[in-house]
Amino acid sequence: MPAVTADRTIERTDKPLHITKRIGSTTYKVSVHFSRTSRETMSDKLVRLIERDAVKQ
């Protein structure tokens, strides 16, 4: 599974990527995992999700 390293390159690992972000007094913990069989890049997925959300509004 891809993981983002300090220099923002992608490397394959079998562990999900964990991100922690604090906004105000709330801490968000997000785990990201990627399908090895996916044909869609992360950029493609983000664009698709944004476009779908825009259509809903």
C-alpha atoms as a PDB file:
ATOM      1  CA  MET A   1       0.000   0.000   0.000  1.00  0.00           C
ATOM      2  CA  PRO A   2       1.336   3.452  -0.811  1.00  0.00           C
ATOM      3  CA  ALA A   3       2.642   5.664   1.957  1.00  0.00           C
ATOM      4  CA  VAL A   4       3.695   9.291   1.708  1.00  0.00           C
ATOM      5  CA  THR A   5       7.233   9.838   2.934  1.00  0.00           C
ATOM      6  CA  ALA A   6       8.720  13.105   4.260  1.00  0.00           C
ATOM      7  CA  ASP A   7       9.672  14.232   0.759  1.00  0.00           C
ATOM      8  CA  ARG A   8       6.133  13.428  -0.433  1.00  0.00           C
ATOM      9  CA  THR A   9       7.127  10.501  -2.619  1.00  0.00           C
ATOM     10  CA  ILE A  10       5.034   7.355  -2.599  1.00  0.00           C
ATOM     11  CA  GLU A  11       6.360   4.025  -1.416  1.00  0.00           C
ATOM     12  CA  ARG A  12       4.563   0.699  -1.165  1.00  0.00           C
ATOM     13  CA  THR A  13       3.875  -0.678   2.295  1.00  0.00           C
ATOM     14  CA  ASP A  14       1.301  -3.068   3.701  1.00  0.00           C
ATOM     15  CA  LYS A  15       0.315  -0.601   6.405  1.00  0.00           C
ATOM     16  CA  PRO A  16      -2.341   2.095   6.050  1.00  0.00           C
ATOM     17  CA  LEU A  17      -1.290   5.729   6.132  1.00  0.00           C
ATOM     18  CA  HIS A  18      -2.291   7.457   9.388  1.00  0.00           C
ATOM     19  CA  ILE A  19      -2.785  11.216   9.547  1.00  0.00           C
ATOM     20  CA  THR A  20      -3.534  13.226  12.697  1.00  0.00           C
ATOM     21  CA  LYS A  21      -4.713  16.827  12.390  1.00  0.00           C
ATOM     22  CA  ARG A  22      -5.760  19.139  15.192  1.00  0.00           C
ATOM     23  CA  ILE A  23      -8.258  21.882  14.313  1.00  0.00           C
ATOM     24  CA  GLY A  24      -9.131  24.036  17.296  1.00  0.00           C
ATOM     25  CA  SER A  25      -9.846  21.746  20.233  1.00  0.00           C
ATOM     26  CA  THR A  26     -10.719  18.770  18.016  1.00  0.00           C
ATOM     27  CA  THR A  27      -8.162  16.174  16.931  1.00  0.00           C
ATOM     28  CA  TYR A  28      -8.975  14.214  13.779  1.00  0.00           C
ATOM     29  CA  LYS A  29      -7.316  10.832  13.197  1.00  0.00           C
ATOM     30  CA  VAL A  30      -7.623   9.475   9.675  1.00  0.00           C
ATOM     31  CA  SER A  31      -6.434   6.139   8.298  1.00  0.00           C
ATOM     32  CA  VAL A  32      -6.000   5.888   4.547  1.00  0.00           C
ATOM     33  CA  HIS A  33      -5.581   2.678   2.613  1.00  0.00           C
ATOM     34  CA  PHE A  34      -5.317   2.018  -1.099  1.00  0.00           C
ATOM     35  CA  SER A  35      -6.499  -0.899  -3.171  1.00  0.00           C
ATOM     36  CA  ARG A  36      -3.720  -2.721  -4.996  1.00  0.00           C
ATOM     37  CA  THR A  37      -6.150  -3.424  -7.857  1.00  0.00           C
ATOM     38  CA  SER A  38      -7.488   0.118  -8.256  1.00  0.00           C
ATOM     39  CA  ARG A  39      -7.268   1.675 -11.700  1.00  0.00           C
ATOM     40  CA  GLU A  40      -7.923   5.177 -10.369  1.00  0.00           C
ATOM     41  CA  THR A  41      -5.169   7.475  -9.067  1.00  0.00           C
ATOM     42  CA  MET A  42      -5.644   9.433  -5.860  1.00  0.00           C
ATOM     43  CA  SER A  43      -5.950  12.631  -7.904  1.00  0.00           C
ATOM     44  CA  ASP A  44      -8.624  11.029 -10.102  1.00  0.00           C
ATOM     45  CA  LYS A  45     -10.532   9.930  -6.996  1.00  0.00           C
ATOM     46  CA  LEU A  46     -10.385  13.395  -5.388  1.00  0.00           C
ATOM     47  CA  VAL A  47     -11.609  15.100  -8.564  1.00  0.00           C
ATOM     48  CA  ARG A  48     -14.452  12.573  -8.861  1.00  0.00           C
ATOM     49  CA  LEU A  49     -15.507  13.099  -5.240  1.00  0.00           C
ATOM     50  CA  ILE A  50     -15.389  16.899  -5.541  1.00  0.00           C
ATOM     51  CA  GLU A  51     -17.401  16.847  -8.774  1.00  0.00           C
ATOM     52  CA  ARG A  52     -19.975  14.491  -7.265  1.00  0.00           C
ATOM     53  CA  ASP A  53     -20.306  16.692  -4.185  1.00  0.00           C
ATOM     54  CA  ALA A  54     -20.738  19.816  -6.359  1.00  0.00           C
ATOM     55  CA  VAL A  55     -23.602  18.157  -8.263  1.00  0.00           C
ATOM     56  CA  LYS A  56     -25.418  17.400  -4.970  1.00  0.00           C
ATOM     57  CA  GLN A  57     -25.481  21.089  -4.004  1.00  0.00           C
END
